Amino acid sequence: MRLTVSPDEMFLALVSMIQVTRPALLKPAGDSFDVDVSPLLAQKELTDDERLVLRLYGVLSAGADSRSFGTSFAFDLTSSEGDRLSRALALVESSRQWPADAVALSRALRRQLATGA
């Protein structure tokens, strides 16, 4: 499935996958956090979820390095990757109270994953 998402949706997808896969990759940094995927890069064997984290990180990093950052990200996911991402978004969304805009973003992304569009 081809997925086209906004920068905010891309970041939400990455952070959600990290939160359900390996939360220690999120490092506190002032009022926010940094993402450190170096422990995954050092591993010899990765789970499917860990591979998806690295794929999403790669897409986000490549977009951030290009002049088109701020528009959208387009990338392909297998149906199992889409299912894993959708589950991660749902788990993170249900884990605590989120601002309405974050919930709306998560639900829009999950709808897109469900329809395969």
C-alpha atoms as a PDB file:
ATOM      1  CA  MET A   1       0.000   0.000   0.000  1.00  0.00           C
ATOM      2  CA  ARG A   2       1.185   3.477  -0.846  1.00  0.00           C
ATOM      3  CA  LEU A   3       0.843   5.885   2.056  1.00  0.00           C
ATOM      4  CA  THR A   4       1.068   9.645   1.706  1.00  0.00           C
ATOM      5  CA  VAL A   5       1.181  11.493   5.022  1.00  0.00           C
ATOM      6  CA  SER A   6       1.894  14.923   6.429  1.00  0.00           C
ATOM      7  CA  PRO A   7       5.053  15.563   8.464  1.00  0.00           C
ATOM      8  CA  ASP A   8       2.953  15.497  11.653  1.00  0.00           C
ATOM      9  CA  GLU A   9       1.431  12.127  10.711  1.00  0.00           C
ATOM     10  CA  MET A  10       4.868  10.760   9.851  1.00  0.00           C
ATOM     11  CA  PHE A  11       6.271  11.836  13.202  1.00  0.00           C
ATOM     12  CA  LEU A  12       3.238  10.399  15.009  1.00  0.00           C
ATOM     13  CA  ALA A  13       3.675   7.085  13.175  1.00  0.00           C
ATOM     14  CA  LEU A  14       7.347   6.862  14.137  1.00  0.00           C
ATOM     15  CA  VAL A  15       6.836   7.834  17.779  1.00  0.00           C
ATOM     16  CA  SER A  16       3.884   5.448  18.126  1.00  0.00           C
ATOM     17  CA  MET A  17       5.887   2.531  16.762  1.00  0.00           C
ATOM     18  CA  ILE A  18       8.768   3.398  19.087  1.00  0.00           C
ATOM     19  CA  GLN A  19       6.479   3.664  22.106  1.00  0.00           C
ATOM     20  CA  VAL A  20       5.087   0.160  21.581  1.00  0.00           C
ATOM     21  CA  THR A  21       8.339  -1.409  20.397  1.00  0.00           C
ATOM     22  CA  ARG A  22      11.248   0.153  22.306  1.00  0.00           C
ATOM     23  CA  PRO A  23      10.299   3.240  24.379  1.00  0.00           C
ATOM     24  CA  ALA A  24      13.902   3.671  25.557  1.00  0.00           C
ATOM     25  CA  LEU A  25      14.725   5.032  22.070  1.00  0.00           C
ATOM     26  CA  LEU A  26      12.897   8.240  23.062  1.00  0.00           C
ATOM     27  CA  LYS A  27      15.285  10.401  25.093  1.00  0.00           C
ATOM     28  CA  PRO A  28      14.044  13.433  27.088  1.00  0.00           C
ATOM     29  CA  ALA A  29      15.366  16.691  25.644  1.00  0.00           C
ATOM     30  CA  GLY A  30      14.088  19.865  27.250  1.00  0.00           C
ATOM     31  CA  ASP A  31      10.361  20.254  26.607  1.00  0.00           C
ATOM     32  CA  SER A  32      10.385  17.456  24.050  1.00  0.00           C
ATOM     33  CA  PHE A  33      12.460  14.385  23.231  1.00  0.00           C
ATOM     34  CA  ASP A  34      15.027  13.039  20.795  1.00  0.00           C
ATOM     35  CA  VAL A  35      14.866   9.764  18.927  1.00  0.00           C
ATOM     36  CA  ASP A  36      17.978   7.595  19.171  1.00  0.00           C
ATOM     37  CA  VAL A  37      17.819   4.546  16.882  1.00  0.00           C
ATOM     38  CA  SER A  38      21.499   3.644  17.303  1.00  0.00           C
ATOM     39  CA  PRO A  39      20.682   0.661  19.585  1.00  0.00           C
ATOM     40  CA  LEU A  40      18.587  -0.811  16.761  1.00  0.00           C
ATOM     41  CA  LEU A  41      21.305  -0.158  14.205  1.00  0.00           C
ATOM     42  CA  ALA A  42      23.766  -2.039  16.410  1.00  0.00           C
ATOM     43  CA  GLN A  43      21.561  -5.131  16.698  1.00  0.00           C
ATOM     44  CA  LYS A  44      22.267  -8.122  14.489  1.00  0.00           C
ATOM     45  CA  GLU A  45      18.686  -9.389  14.479  1.00  0.00           C
ATOM     46  CA  LEU A  46      15.606  -7.196  14.479  1.00  0.00           C
ATOM     47  CA  THR A  47      11.947  -7.978  15.006  1.00  0.00           C
ATOM     48  CA  ASP A  48       9.440  -6.941  12.361  1.00  0.00           C
ATOM     49  CA  ASP A  49       8.392  -4.028  14.582  1.00  0.00           C
ATOM     50  CA  GLU A  50      11.996  -2.884  14.987  1.00  0.00           C
ATOM     51  CA  ARG A  51      12.523  -3.044  11.217  1.00  0.00           C
ATOM     52  CA  LEU A  52       9.410  -0.922  10.745  1.00  0.00           C
ATOM     53  CA  VAL A  53      10.738   1.639  13.250  1.00  0.00           C
ATOM     54  CA  LEU A  54      13.950   1.888  11.207  1.00  0.00           C
ATOM     55  CA  ARG A  55      12.008   2.180   7.934  1.00  0.00           C
ATOM     56  CA  LEU A  56       9.835   4.988   9.303  1.00  0.00           C
ATOM     57  CA  TYR A  57      12.889   6.707  10.764  1.00  0.00           C
ATOM     58  CA  GLY A  58      14.610   6.460   7.374  1.00  0.00           C
ATOM     59  CA  VAL A  59      11.639   7.960   5.534  1.00  0.00           C
ATOM     60  CA  LEU A  60      11.374  10.802   8.043  1.00  0.00           C
ATOM     61  CA  SER A  61      15.131  11.453   7.973  1.00  0.00           C
ATOM     62  CA  ALA A  62      15.282  11.450   4.181  1.00  0.00           C
ATOM     63  CA  GLY A  63      12.388  13.910   4.020  1.00  0.00           C
ATOM     64  CA  ALA A  64      13.937  16.151   6.645  1.00  0.00           C
ATOM     65  CA  ASP A  65      17.144  16.257   4.598  1.00  0.00           C
ATOM     66  CA  SER A  66      15.334  17.250   1.405  1.00  0.00           C
ATOM     67  CA  ARG A  67      13.972  20.622   0.420  1.00  0.00           C
ATOM     68  CA  SER A  68      10.452  19.169   0.298  1.00  0.00           C
ATOM     69  CA  PHE A  69      10.197  18.748   4.093  1.00  0.00           C
ATOM     70  CA  GLY A  70       6.953  20.265   5.243  1.00  0.00           C
ATOM     71  CA  THR A  71       4.847  19.023   2.367  1.00  0.00           C
ATOM     72  CA  SER A  72       4.272  15.279   2.595  1.00  0.00           C
ATOM     73  CA  PHE A  73       5.926  11.895   2.795  1.00  0.00           C
ATOM     74  CA  ALA A  74       5.035   9.075   0.401  1.00  0.00           C
ATOM     75  CA  PHE A  75       6.205   5.517   1.017  1.00  0.00           C
ATOM     76  CA  ASP A  76       5.088   1.932   0.642  1.00  0.00           C
ATOM     77  CA  LEU A  77       4.015  -0.406   3.423  1.00  0.00           C
ATOM     78  CA  THR A  78       3.172  -4.069   3.243  1.00  0.00           C
ATOM     79  CA  SER A  79      -0.248  -5.001   4.608  1.00  0.00           C
ATOM     80  CA  SER A  80       1.359  -6.513   7.719  1.00  0.00           C
ATOM     81  CA  GLU A  81       3.366  -3.307   8.295  1.00  0.00           C
ATOM     82  CA  GLY A  82       0.182  -1.285   7.904  1.00  0.00           C
ATOM     83  CA  ASP A  83      -1.558  -3.532  10.450  1.00  0.00           C
ATOM     84  CA  ARG A  84       1.339  -3.182  12.908  1.00  0.00           C
ATOM     85  CA  LEU A  85       1.366   0.593  12.531  1.00  0.00           C
ATOM     86  CA  SER A  86      -2.406   0.818  12.960  1.00  0.00           C
ATOM     87  CA  ARG A  87      -2.242  -1.279  16.147  1.00  0.00           C
ATOM     88  CA  ALA A  88       0.574   0.899  17.510  1.00  0.00           C
ATOM     89  CA  LEU A  89      -1.398   4.075  16.829  1.00  0.00           C
ATOM     90  CA  ALA A  90      -4.476   2.631  18.551  1.00  0.00           C
ATOM     91  CA  LEU A  91      -2.453   1.523  21.596  1.00  0.00           C
ATOM     92  CA  VAL A  92      -0.755   4.877  21.992  1.00  0.00           C
ATOM     93  CA  GLU A  93      -4.033   6.743  21.473  1.00  0.00           C
ATOM     94  CA  SER A  94      -5.773   4.686  24.174  1.00  0.00           C
ATOM     95  CA  SER A  95      -2.862   4.872  26.637  1.00  0.00           C
ATOM     96  CA  ARG A  96      -3.688   8.356  27.953  1.00  0.00           C
ATOM     97  CA  GLN A  97      -5.610  11.574  27.344  1.00  0.00           C
ATOM     98  CA  TRP A  98      -4.309  13.315  24.236  1.00  0.00           C
ATOM     99  CA  PRO A  99      -5.134  16.750  22.844  1.00  0.00           C
ATOM    100  CA  ALA A 100      -7.996  16.670  20.338  1.00  0.00           C
ATOM    101  CA  ASP A 101      -5.701  17.510  17.408  1.00  0.00           C
ATOM    102  CA  ALA A 102      -3.397  14.570  18.208  1.00  0.00           C
ATOM    103  CA  VAL A 103      -6.354  12.184  18.444  1.00  0.00           C
ATOM    104  CA  ALA A 104      -7.718  13.478  15.138  1.00  0.00           C
ATOM    105  CA  LEU A 105      -4.324  13.002  13.495  1.00  0.00           C
ATOM    106  CA  SER A 106      -4.040   9.449  14.804  1.00  0.00           C
ATOM    107  CA  ARG A 107      -7.548   8.523  13.683  1.00  0.00           C
ATOM    108  CA  ALA A 108      -7.067  10.015  10.222  1.00  0.00           C
ATOM    109  CA  LEU A 109      -3.876   8.015   9.788  1.00  0.00           C
ATOM    110  CA  ARG A 110      -5.566   4.827  11.017  1.00  0.00           C
ATOM    111  CA  ARG A 111      -8.442   5.393   8.535  1.00  0.00           C
ATOM    112  CA  GLN A 112      -5.936   5.776   5.734  1.00  0.00           C
ATOM    113  CA  LEU A 113      -4.205   2.554   6.787  1.00  0.00           C
ATOM    114  CA  ALA A 114      -7.552   0.730   6.993  1.00  0.00           C
ATOM    115  CA  THR A 115      -8.603   1.754   3.491  1.00  0.00           C
ATOM    116  CA  GLY A 116      -5.178   1.146   1.996  1.00  0.00           C
ATOM    117  CA  ALA A 117      -5.189   4.581   0.416  1.00  0.00           C
END
